[in-house]
Amino acid sequence: MKLRIPYLLLFLFAGATIYSCVKKPEYPSQPVIAYKNFLSYGKPLPSMPYSKDSVELVVSFTDNEGDIGLEKADSTGIFKNGNFYMVEFWDSSGIWAPAFPSNTTTRLDTITYYYRVPLVLKEGEKSQPMKGLIYAKIKPWINVFKKIKLDVYMYDEARNKSNRISTPAITFP
C-alpha cells in the first residue's frame, strides 16, 4: 500500500506540471473573421430561377474575450438589427456593383442582411479566448442575380469592429 501512494503523487505532480505549461491562445480583442463556405438549400421557385429556399454563410471567427454574441436586450445603436452584417454585390459583366441602382444617376443602393450572433458566454462567465464558426442563415432567399458576392463584417459586445471580408463569387444555377 505504501508503494502506491508515491506513484500516485508522482503521477498527479506530472499531470499538474504539464497542465500548467499549456498556454491559452491569445487573439486580438478585435474579432477576426474568415470565409469558410456558402450553403444553399431548397429548390428554385419556377417563376424565379435564381431563388433558393434558404442559404447559410459559414464564417470562422476568433476573439480574445469571447464576447461575440448578443443578448436579446442588446438592440440599440449599432446592435439595432444585429451584430453581423452581410452586404450584397452583383456581377455586372465582370464589374462588382451594389445590388440595386436606386435611379439612373450615380447613386447605388445595397442590400444588407443582418444577423444576430447568439450569446456565447453566459452572464457572469469570465471572458476567455475563443474561436469557432458562425452559420448565418438568410431566409427567404430570393435573388434576381445569377452571380453575387457578400462583404461581411461584425461587431463584438465591446463594439470592436472585425475585419471586413469578401466572399468569393457565388453562382446560382
N, C-alpha and C. Protein backbone atom coordinates (compact mmCIF):
# COMPACT_ATOMS: atom_id res chain seq x y z
N MET A 1 0.82 -1.19 0.00
CA MET A 1 0.00 0.00 0.00
C MET A 1 0.86 1.26 0.00
N LYS A 2 1.98 1.25 0.75
CA LYS A 2 2.85 2.41 0.82
C LYS A 2 3.48 2.71 -0.53
N LEU A 3 3.67 1.68 -1.36
CA LEU A 3 4.32 1.85 -2.65
C LEU A 3 3.42 2.58 -3.65
N ARG A 4 2.11 2.46 -3.55
CA ARG A 4 1.18 3.08 -4.49
C ARG A 4 1.05 4.58 -4.28
N ILE A 5 1.12 5.05 -3.07
CA ILE A 5 0.94 6.48 -2.79
C ILE A 5 2.03 7.32 -3.45
N PRO A 6 3.33 6.97 -3.36
CA PRO A 6 4.33 7.79 -4.07
C PRO A 6 4.11 7.83 -5.58
N TYR A 7 3.69 6.70 -6.17
CA TYR A 7 3.43 6.70 -7.61
C TYR A 7 2.24 7.60 -7.95
N LEU A 8 1.21 7.56 -7.14
CA LEU A 8 0.04 8.41 -7.34
C LEU A 8 0.43 9.88 -7.22
N LEU A 9 1.22 10.21 -6.21
CA LEU A 9 1.66 11.60 -6.05
C LEU A 9 2.54 12.04 -7.23
N LEU A 10 3.41 11.16 -7.70
CA LEU A 10 4.26 11.47 -8.85
C LEU A 10 3.41 11.69 -10.09
N PHE A 11 2.40 10.85 -10.29
CA PHE A 11 1.50 10.99 -11.42
C PHE A 11 0.73 12.31 -11.37
N LEU A 12 0.20 12.66 -10.21
CA LEU A 12 -0.53 13.92 -10.04
C LEU A 12 0.38 15.13 -10.24
N PHE A 13 1.59 15.05 -9.73
CA PHE A 13 2.55 16.15 -9.90
C PHE A 13 2.90 16.33 -11.38
N ALA A 14 3.14 15.21 -12.09
CA ALA A 14 3.46 15.29 -13.52
C ALA A 14 2.28 15.87 -14.31
N GLY A 15 1.07 15.45 -13.98
CA GLY A 15 -0.12 15.98 -14.65
C GLY A 15 -0.30 17.47 -14.41
N ALA A 16 -0.11 17.92 -13.18
CA ALA A 16 -0.23 19.35 -12.86
C ALA A 16 0.84 20.16 -13.56
N THR A 17 2.04 19.62 -13.66
CA THR A 17 3.13 20.32 -14.34
C THR A 17 2.83 20.49 -15.83
N ILE A 18 2.37 19.43 -16.46
CA ILE A 18 2.04 19.50 -17.89
C ILE A 18 0.89 20.47 -18.12
N TYR A 19 -0.16 20.42 -17.28
CA TYR A 19 -1.31 21.31 -17.44
C TYR A 19 -0.90 22.78 -17.29
N SER A 20 0.01 23.06 -16.37
CA SER A 20 0.42 24.46 -16.15
C SER A 20 1.26 24.98 -17.30
N CYS A 21 1.85 24.11 -18.10
CA CYS A 21 2.65 24.53 -19.26
C CYS A 21 1.80 24.86 -20.47
N VAL A 22 0.55 24.41 -20.50
CA VAL A 22 -0.32 24.69 -21.63
C VAL A 22 -0.79 26.13 -21.55
N LYS A 23 -0.49 26.90 -22.61
CA LYS A 23 -0.88 28.31 -22.62
C LYS A 23 -2.20 28.48 -23.35
N LYS A 24 -3.01 29.41 -22.86
CA LYS A 24 -4.24 29.76 -23.55
C LYS A 24 -3.86 30.50 -24.82
N PRO A 25 -4.60 30.28 -25.89
CA PRO A 25 -4.31 31.03 -27.11
C PRO A 25 -4.61 32.51 -26.89
N GLU A 26 -3.88 33.35 -27.58
CA GLU A 26 -4.14 34.79 -27.50
C GLU A 26 -4.53 35.29 -28.87
N TYR A 27 -5.68 35.95 -28.93
CA TYR A 27 -6.18 36.54 -30.17
C TYR A 27 -6.32 38.04 -29.94
N PRO A 28 -6.45 38.81 -31.01
CA PRO A 28 -6.69 40.24 -30.84
C PRO A 28 -8.07 40.49 -30.19
N SER A 29 -8.22 41.63 -29.52
CA SER A 29 -9.51 42.00 -28.94
C SER A 29 -10.55 42.26 -30.03
N GLN A 30 -10.08 42.73 -31.16
CA GLN A 30 -10.95 42.95 -32.31
C GLN A 30 -11.24 41.59 -32.93
N PRO A 31 -12.52 41.24 -33.16
CA PRO A 31 -12.81 39.95 -33.79
C PRO A 31 -12.15 39.84 -35.16
N VAL A 32 -11.70 38.65 -35.48
CA VAL A 32 -11.12 38.38 -36.80
C VAL A 32 -11.99 37.30 -37.44
N ILE A 33 -12.48 37.58 -38.66
CA ILE A 33 -13.35 36.63 -39.34
C ILE A 33 -12.71 36.19 -40.66
N ALA A 34 -13.12 35.01 -41.13
CA ALA A 34 -12.63 34.47 -42.40
C ALA A 34 -13.75 33.66 -43.04
N TYR A 35 -13.85 33.74 -44.35
CA TYR A 35 -14.85 33.00 -45.12
C TYR A 35 -14.55 31.51 -45.07
N LYS A 36 -15.56 30.68 -44.86
CA LYS A 36 -15.40 29.23 -44.86
C LYS A 36 -16.22 28.55 -45.96
N ASN A 37 -17.52 28.89 -46.07
CA ASN A 37 -18.37 28.18 -47.01
C ASN A 37 -19.67 28.93 -47.24
N PHE A 38 -20.37 28.53 -48.28
CA PHE A 38 -21.69 29.08 -48.59
C PHE A 38 -22.57 27.89 -48.94
N LEU A 39 -23.63 27.68 -48.19
CA LEU A 39 -24.51 26.52 -48.37
C LEU A 39 -25.88 27.00 -48.84
N SER A 40 -26.44 26.35 -49.85
CA SER A 40 -27.79 26.71 -50.29
C SER A 40 -28.69 25.50 -50.16
N TYR A 41 -29.94 25.75 -49.83
CA TYR A 41 -30.92 24.70 -49.58
C TYR A 41 -32.16 24.95 -50.42
N GLY A 42 -32.86 23.91 -50.72
CA GLY A 42 -34.14 24.05 -51.39
C GLY A 42 -34.02 24.17 -52.89
N LYS A 43 -35.18 24.17 -53.53
CA LYS A 43 -35.26 24.26 -54.98
C LYS A 43 -35.68 25.66 -55.39
N PRO A 44 -35.24 26.09 -56.57
CA PRO A 44 -35.67 27.41 -57.05
C PRO A 44 -37.17 27.45 -57.30
N LEU A 45 -37.75 28.63 -57.14
CA LEU A 45 -39.15 28.82 -57.50
C LEU A 45 -39.24 28.85 -59.02
N PRO A 46 -40.30 28.27 -59.61
CA PRO A 46 -40.40 28.23 -61.07
C PRO A 46 -40.36 29.61 -61.72
N SER A 47 -40.97 30.60 -61.09
CA SER A 47 -41.01 31.93 -61.67
C SER A 47 -39.71 32.71 -61.44
N MET A 48 -38.86 32.24 -60.51
CA MET A 48 -37.59 32.91 -60.20
C MET A 48 -36.48 31.87 -60.20
N PRO A 49 -35.83 31.63 -61.32
CA PRO A 49 -34.86 30.53 -61.39
C PRO A 49 -33.65 30.67 -60.49
N TYR A 50 -33.34 31.88 -60.02
CA TYR A 50 -32.16 32.05 -59.17
C TYR A 50 -32.52 32.09 -57.69
N SER A 51 -33.77 31.85 -57.35
CA SER A 51 -34.18 31.89 -55.95
C SER A 51 -33.80 30.60 -55.24
N LYS A 52 -33.71 30.66 -53.93
CA LYS A 52 -33.46 29.48 -53.10
C LYS A 52 -34.35 29.58 -51.88
N ASP A 53 -34.67 28.42 -51.30
CA ASP A 53 -35.47 28.38 -50.09
C ASP A 53 -34.75 29.11 -48.96
N SER A 54 -33.47 28.80 -48.77
CA SER A 54 -32.66 29.50 -47.78
C SER A 54 -31.19 29.20 -48.07
N VAL A 55 -30.33 30.05 -47.54
CA VAL A 55 -28.89 29.87 -47.69
C VAL A 55 -28.22 30.15 -46.35
N GLU A 56 -27.02 29.61 -46.18
CA GLU A 56 -26.22 29.88 -45.00
C GLU A 56 -24.82 30.28 -45.41
N LEU A 57 -24.34 31.33 -44.80
CA LEU A 57 -22.96 31.74 -44.97
C LEU A 57 -22.21 31.23 -43.75
N VAL A 58 -21.10 30.54 -43.97
CA VAL A 58 -20.30 30.00 -42.86
C VAL A 58 -19.01 30.81 -42.76
N VAL A 59 -18.78 31.40 -41.58
CA VAL A 59 -17.62 32.26 -41.34
C VAL A 59 -16.95 31.79 -40.05
N SER A 60 -15.62 31.70 -40.06
CA SER A 60 -14.90 31.38 -38.83
C SER A 60 -14.56 32.69 -38.11
N PHE A 61 -14.38 32.61 -36.80
CA PHE A 61 -14.03 33.80 -36.02
C PHE A 61 -13.04 33.46 -34.93
N THR A 62 -12.29 34.47 -34.51
CA THR A 62 -11.50 34.42 -33.27
C THR A 62 -11.75 35.72 -32.54
N ASP A 63 -11.73 35.65 -31.21
CA ASP A 63 -11.91 36.84 -30.37
C ASP A 63 -11.26 36.56 -29.02
N ASN A 64 -10.49 37.49 -28.53
CA ASN A 64 -9.75 37.25 -27.29
C ASN A 64 -10.65 37.21 -26.06
N GLU A 65 -11.73 37.97 -26.05
CA GLU A 65 -12.61 37.99 -24.88
C GLU A 65 -13.81 37.06 -25.01
N GLY A 66 -14.07 36.55 -26.20
CA GLY A 66 -15.20 35.64 -26.42
C GLY A 66 -16.54 36.33 -26.31
N ASP A 67 -16.57 37.65 -26.54
CA ASP A 67 -17.82 38.41 -26.38
C ASP A 67 -18.47 38.72 -27.72
N ILE A 68 -18.55 37.73 -28.60
CA ILE A 68 -19.10 37.99 -29.92
C ILE A 68 -20.62 37.92 -29.97
N GLY A 69 -21.25 37.27 -29.02
CA GLY A 69 -22.70 37.12 -29.02
C GLY A 69 -23.41 38.28 -28.34
N LEU A 70 -24.69 38.42 -28.65
CA LEU A 70 -25.51 39.49 -28.06
C LEU A 70 -26.67 38.91 -27.27
N GLU A 71 -27.04 39.61 -26.23
CA GLU A 71 -28.26 39.27 -25.51
C GLU A 71 -29.43 39.89 -26.25
N LYS A 72 -30.63 39.40 -26.01
CA LYS A 72 -31.81 39.94 -26.69
C LYS A 72 -32.02 41.42 -26.36
N ALA A 73 -31.58 41.82 -25.17
CA ALA A 73 -31.75 43.22 -24.76
C ALA A 73 -30.82 44.16 -25.53
N ASP A 74 -29.75 43.63 -26.12
CA ASP A 74 -28.83 44.45 -26.91
C ASP A 74 -29.45 44.75 -28.27
N SER A 75 -30.26 45.80 -28.33
CA SER A 75 -30.95 46.10 -29.59
C SER A 75 -31.01 47.60 -29.87
N THR A 76 -29.98 48.31 -29.46
CA THR A 76 -29.93 49.74 -29.73
C THR A 76 -28.61 50.08 -30.44
N GLY A 77 -28.57 51.25 -31.04
CA GLY A 77 -27.36 51.70 -31.71
C GLY A 77 -26.96 50.76 -32.83
N ILE A 78 -25.68 50.40 -32.87
CA ILE A 78 -25.20 49.52 -33.95
C ILE A 78 -25.77 48.10 -33.83
N PHE A 79 -26.34 47.76 -32.68
CA PHE A 79 -26.91 46.42 -32.49
C PHE A 79 -28.41 46.38 -32.78
N LYS A 80 -28.96 47.46 -33.33
CA LYS A 80 -30.41 47.52 -33.56
C LYS A 80 -30.91 46.32 -34.38
N ASN A 81 -30.21 45.99 -35.47
CA ASN A 81 -30.62 44.89 -36.32
C ASN A 81 -29.79 43.62 -36.12
N GLY A 82 -28.74 43.69 -35.33
CA GLY A 82 -27.86 42.55 -35.11
C GLY A 82 -26.42 43.03 -35.04
N ASN A 83 -25.49 42.09 -35.04
CA ASN A 83 -24.07 42.46 -34.97
C ASN A 83 -23.23 41.81 -36.07
N PHE A 84 -23.90 41.18 -37.03
CA PHE A 84 -23.22 40.51 -38.13
C PHE A 84 -23.86 41.04 -39.41
N TYR A 85 -23.06 41.66 -40.28
CA TYR A 85 -23.58 42.36 -41.46
C TYR A 85 -23.06 41.71 -42.73
N MET A 86 -23.96 41.51 -43.70
CA MET A 86 -23.62 40.95 -45.00
C MET A 86 -24.16 41.89 -46.07
N VAL A 87 -23.28 42.51 -46.84
CA VAL A 87 -23.66 43.46 -47.86
C VAL A 87 -23.52 42.78 -49.22
N GLU A 88 -24.60 42.78 -50.01
CA GLU A 88 -24.62 42.06 -51.29
C GLU A 88 -24.17 42.93 -52.45
N PHE A 89 -23.36 42.33 -53.32
CA PHE A 89 -22.93 42.93 -54.57
C PHE A 89 -23.21 41.94 -55.70
N TRP A 90 -23.44 42.44 -56.89
CA TRP A 90 -23.71 41.55 -58.02
C TRP A 90 -22.73 41.82 -59.14
N ASP A 91 -22.54 40.80 -59.97
CA ASP A 91 -21.60 40.87 -61.08
C ASP A 91 -22.31 41.40 -62.32
N SER A 92 -21.89 42.56 -62.74
CA SER A 92 -22.44 43.16 -63.95
C SER A 92 -21.33 43.16 -65.00
N SER A 93 -21.26 42.09 -65.77
CA SER A 93 -20.25 41.95 -66.82
C SER A 93 -18.84 42.11 -66.28
N GLY A 94 -18.53 41.41 -65.19
CA GLY A 94 -17.19 41.44 -64.63
C GLY A 94 -16.92 42.59 -63.69
N ILE A 95 -17.89 43.47 -63.46
CA ILE A 95 -17.73 44.60 -62.53
C ILE A 95 -18.67 44.38 -61.36
N TRP A 96 -18.12 44.34 -60.15
CA TRP A 96 -18.95 44.14 -58.96
C TRP A 96 -19.57 45.47 -58.56
N ALA A 97 -20.89 45.49 -58.42
CA ALA A 97 -21.61 46.71 -58.10
C ALA A 97 -22.59 46.44 -56.97
N PRO A 98 -23.00 47.49 -56.23
CA PRO A 98 -24.05 47.30 -55.23
C PRO A 98 -25.29 46.70 -55.89
N ALA A 99 -26.08 46.03 -55.12
CA ALA A 99 -27.15 45.20 -55.65
C ALA A 99 -28.20 45.92 -56.49
N PHE A 100 -28.67 47.07 -56.10
CA PHE A 100 -29.73 47.73 -56.86
C PHE A 100 -29.41 49.19 -57.10
N PRO A 101 -29.39 49.63 -58.37
CA PRO A 101 -29.30 51.07 -58.62
C PRO A 101 -30.61 51.71 -58.20
N SER A 102 -30.55 52.81 -57.46
CA SER A 102 -31.78 53.44 -56.99
C SER A 102 -32.38 54.36 -58.04
N ASN A 103 -31.56 54.83 -58.95
CA ASN A 103 -32.06 55.64 -60.05
C ASN A 103 -31.01 55.63 -61.16
N THR A 104 -31.19 56.45 -62.15
CA THR A 104 -30.26 56.42 -63.28
C THR A 104 -29.04 57.31 -63.08
N THR A 105 -28.95 58.01 -61.96
CA THR A 105 -27.76 58.81 -61.70
C THR A 105 -26.69 57.93 -61.07
N THR A 106 -25.75 58.52 -60.37
CA THR A 106 -24.62 57.75 -59.83
C THR A 106 -24.93 57.05 -58.50
N ARG A 107 -26.04 57.33 -57.86
CA ARG A 107 -26.33 56.74 -56.56
C ARG A 107 -26.76 55.28 -56.69
N LEU A 108 -26.13 54.41 -55.91
CA LEU A 108 -26.47 53.00 -55.90
C LEU A 108 -26.82 52.58 -54.48
N ASP A 109 -27.82 51.74 -54.34
CA ASP A 109 -28.21 51.21 -53.03
C ASP A 109 -27.73 49.76 -52.92
N THR A 110 -27.47 49.35 -51.70
CA THR A 110 -27.05 47.98 -51.46
C THR A 110 -28.12 47.25 -50.67
N ILE A 111 -28.06 45.95 -50.74
CA ILE A 111 -28.90 45.11 -49.88
C ILE A 111 -28.00 44.67 -48.74
N THR A 112 -28.42 44.91 -47.52
CA THR A 112 -27.65 44.48 -46.35
C THR A 112 -28.50 43.49 -45.57
N TYR A 113 -27.92 42.34 -45.27
CA TYR A 113 -28.58 41.34 -44.44
C TYR A 113 -27.97 41.45 -43.05
N TYR A 114 -28.84 41.39 -42.04
CA TYR A 114 -28.39 41.50 -40.66
C TYR A 114 -28.61 40.16 -39.97
N TYR A 115 -27.71 39.83 -39.08
CA TYR A 115 -27.81 38.59 -38.32
C TYR A 115 -27.38 38.88 -36.89
N ARG A 116 -28.07 38.31 -35.95
CA ARG A 116 -27.72 38.46 -34.53
C ARG A 116 -27.02 37.18 -34.08
N VAL A 117 -25.73 37.29 -33.78
CA VAL A 117 -24.98 36.14 -33.29
C VAL A 117 -25.46 35.85 -31.86
N PRO A 118 -25.87 34.61 -31.58
CA PRO A 118 -26.36 34.30 -30.24
C PRO A 118 -25.26 34.44 -29.19
N LEU A 119 -25.69 34.66 -27.96
CA LEU A 119 -24.77 34.81 -26.84
C LEU A 119 -23.96 33.52 -26.67
N VAL A 120 -22.64 33.67 -26.58
CA VAL A 120 -21.76 32.51 -26.45
C VAL A 120 -21.44 32.26 -24.98
N LEU A 121 -21.00 33.29 -24.27
CA LEU A 121 -20.70 33.16 -22.84
C LEU A 121 -21.92 33.56 -22.03
N LYS A 122 -22.26 32.76 -21.07
CA LYS A 122 -23.39 33.08 -20.19
C LYS A 122 -23.03 34.25 -19.29
N GLU A 123 -24.04 34.94 -18.78
CA GLU A 123 -23.81 36.08 -17.89
C GLU A 123 -23.02 35.63 -16.67
N GLY A 124 -21.99 36.37 -16.33
CA GLY A 124 -21.15 36.06 -15.19
C GLY A 124 -19.95 35.18 -15.51
N GLU A 125 -19.92 34.58 -16.70
CA GLU A 125 -18.76 33.77 -17.08
C GLU A 125 -17.59 34.69 -17.42
N LYS A 126 -16.42 34.24 -17.04
CA LYS A 126 -15.21 35.00 -17.28
C LYS A 126 -14.88 35.01 -18.77
N SER A 127 -14.45 36.17 -19.27
CA SER A 127 -14.09 36.24 -20.68
C SER A 127 -12.89 35.33 -20.94
N GLN A 128 -12.88 34.77 -22.15
CA GLN A 128 -11.81 33.85 -22.50
C GLN A 128 -11.60 33.85 -24.01
N PRO A 129 -10.38 33.55 -24.45
CA PRO A 129 -10.13 33.48 -25.89
C PRO A 129 -11.03 32.42 -26.52
N MET A 130 -11.53 32.74 -27.70
CA MET A 130 -12.50 31.85 -28.32
C MET A 130 -12.33 31.85 -29.83
N LYS A 131 -12.57 30.68 -30.42
CA LYS A 131 -12.66 30.59 -31.88
C LYS A 131 -13.79 29.64 -32.20
N GLY A 132 -14.36 29.82 -33.40
CA GLY A 132 -15.47 28.97 -33.77
C GLY A 132 -16.01 29.33 -35.14
N LEU A 133 -17.22 28.83 -35.43
CA LEU A 133 -17.88 29.08 -36.70
C LEU A 133 -19.22 29.77 -36.46
N ILE A 134 -19.57 30.67 -37.36
CA ILE A 134 -20.87 31.32 -37.36
C ILE A 134 -21.61 30.86 -38.61
N TYR A 135 -22.82 30.34 -38.43
CA TYR A 135 -23.67 29.96 -39.55
C TYR A 135 -24.79 31.00 -39.61
N ALA A 136 -24.72 31.89 -40.60
CA ALA A 136 -25.72 32.94 -40.74
C ALA A 136 -26.72 32.52 -41.80
N LYS A 137 -27.93 32.21 -41.38
CA LYS A 137 -28.96 31.75 -42.30
C LYS A 137 -29.79 32.93 -42.77
N ILE A 138 -30.02 32.96 -44.07
CA ILE A 138 -30.84 34.01 -44.67
C ILE A 138 -32.04 33.32 -45.29
N LYS A 139 -33.24 33.74 -44.85
CA LYS A 139 -34.45 33.13 -45.38
C LYS A 139 -35.56 34.17 -45.39
N PRO A 140 -36.37 34.28 -46.41
CA PRO A 140 -36.23 33.56 -47.67
C PRO A 140 -35.18 34.21 -48.55
N TRP A 141 -34.58 33.45 -49.40
CA TRP A 141 -33.54 33.94 -50.31
C TRP A 141 -34.18 34.06 -51.68
N ILE A 142 -34.48 35.25 -52.09
CA ILE A 142 -35.00 35.47 -53.43
C ILE A 142 -34.00 36.38 -54.10
N ASN A 143 -33.26 35.83 -55.03
CA ASN A 143 -32.17 36.57 -55.64
C ASN A 143 -32.43 36.68 -57.14
N VAL A 144 -32.40 37.88 -57.64
CA VAL A 144 -32.64 38.08 -59.07
C VAL A 144 -31.34 38.06 -59.85
N PHE A 145 -30.20 37.96 -59.17
CA PHE A 145 -28.90 37.95 -59.83
C PHE A 145 -28.35 36.54 -59.86
N LYS A 146 -27.64 36.21 -60.93
CA LYS A 146 -27.08 34.87 -61.07
C LYS A 146 -25.76 34.73 -60.32
N LYS A 147 -24.99 35.81 -60.21
CA LYS A 147 -23.69 35.74 -59.55
C LYS A 147 -23.58 36.92 -58.57
N ILE A 148 -23.31 36.58 -57.31
CA ILE A 148 -23.20 37.62 -56.28
C ILE A 148 -21.95 37.38 -55.45
N LYS A 149 -21.62 38.34 -54.63
CA LYS A 149 -20.64 38.16 -53.55
C LYS A 149 -21.14 38.98 -52.37
N LEU A 150 -20.65 38.65 -51.19
CA LEU A 150 -21.05 39.36 -49.98
C LEU A 150 -19.81 39.95 -49.31
N ASP A 151 -19.92 41.19 -48.86
CA ASP A 151 -18.92 41.77 -47.97
C ASP A 151 -19.45 41.58 -46.56
N VAL A 152 -18.62 41.07 -45.66
CA VAL A 152 -19.08 40.66 -44.33
C VAL A 152 -18.19 41.29 -43.26
N TYR A 153 -18.83 41.77 -42.19
CA TYR A 153 -18.11 42.25 -41.01
C TYR A 153 -19.03 42.10 -39.81
N MET A 154 -18.47 42.23 -38.62
CA MET A 154 -19.27 42.09 -37.41
C MET A 154 -18.71 42.95 -36.29
N TYR A 155 -19.48 43.09 -35.23
CA TYR A 155 -19.06 43.79 -34.01
C TYR A 155 -19.17 42.81 -32.85
N ASP A 156 -18.25 42.92 -31.88
CA ASP A 156 -18.42 42.15 -30.66
C ASP A 156 -19.17 43.01 -29.64
N GLU A 157 -19.43 42.46 -28.48
CA GLU A 157 -20.23 43.17 -27.48
C GLU A 157 -19.56 44.47 -27.01
N ALA A 158 -18.23 44.51 -27.05
CA ALA A 158 -17.49 45.72 -26.66
C ALA A 158 -17.44 46.74 -27.80
N ARG A 159 -18.16 46.47 -28.88
CA ARG A 159 -18.24 47.34 -30.06
C ARG A 159 -16.93 47.41 -30.86
N ASN A 160 -16.10 46.39 -30.74
CA ASN A 160 -14.91 46.27 -31.58
C ASN A 160 -15.35 45.73 -32.94
N LYS A 161 -14.98 46.43 -34.01
CA LYS A 161 -15.37 46.01 -35.36
C LYS A 161 -14.33 45.04 -35.91
N SER A 162 -14.81 43.98 -36.53
CA SER A 162 -13.91 42.98 -37.11
C SER A 162 -13.33 43.49 -38.43
N ASN A 163 -12.46 42.69 -38.99
CA ASN A 163 -12.00 42.94 -40.35
C ASN A 163 -13.18 42.75 -41.30
N ARG A 164 -13.08 43.30 -42.49
CA ARG A 164 -14.13 43.16 -43.50
C ARG A 164 -13.63 42.17 -44.54
N ILE A 165 -14.44 41.15 -44.82
CA ILE A 165 -14.05 40.14 -45.80
C ILE A 165 -15.03 40.14 -46.96
N SER A 166 -14.60 39.62 -48.08
CA SER A 166 -15.46 39.43 -49.24
C SER A 166 -15.48 37.94 -49.56
N THR A 167 -16.65 37.42 -49.81
CA THR A 167 -16.77 36.03 -50.21
C THR A 167 -16.31 35.89 -51.65
N PRO A 168 -15.95 34.70 -52.06
CA PRO A 168 -15.74 34.51 -53.49
C PRO A 168 -17.07 34.66 -54.23
N ALA A 169 -17.02 34.70 -55.53
CA ALA A 169 -18.26 34.80 -56.31
C ALA A 169 -19.13 33.58 -56.03
N ILE A 170 -20.40 33.84 -55.78
CA ILE A 170 -21.37 32.78 -55.51
C ILE A 170 -22.29 32.73 -56.71
N THR A 171 -22.30 31.59 -57.41
CA THR A 171 -23.10 31.47 -58.63
C THR A 171 -24.28 30.59 -58.36
N PHE A 172 -25.46 31.06 -58.79
CA PHE A 172 -26.68 30.28 -58.66
C PHE A 172 -26.97 29.60 -59.99
N PRO A 173 -27.51 28.38 -59.93
CA PRO A 173 -27.77 27.66 -61.19
C PRO A 173 -28.82 28.36 -62.03
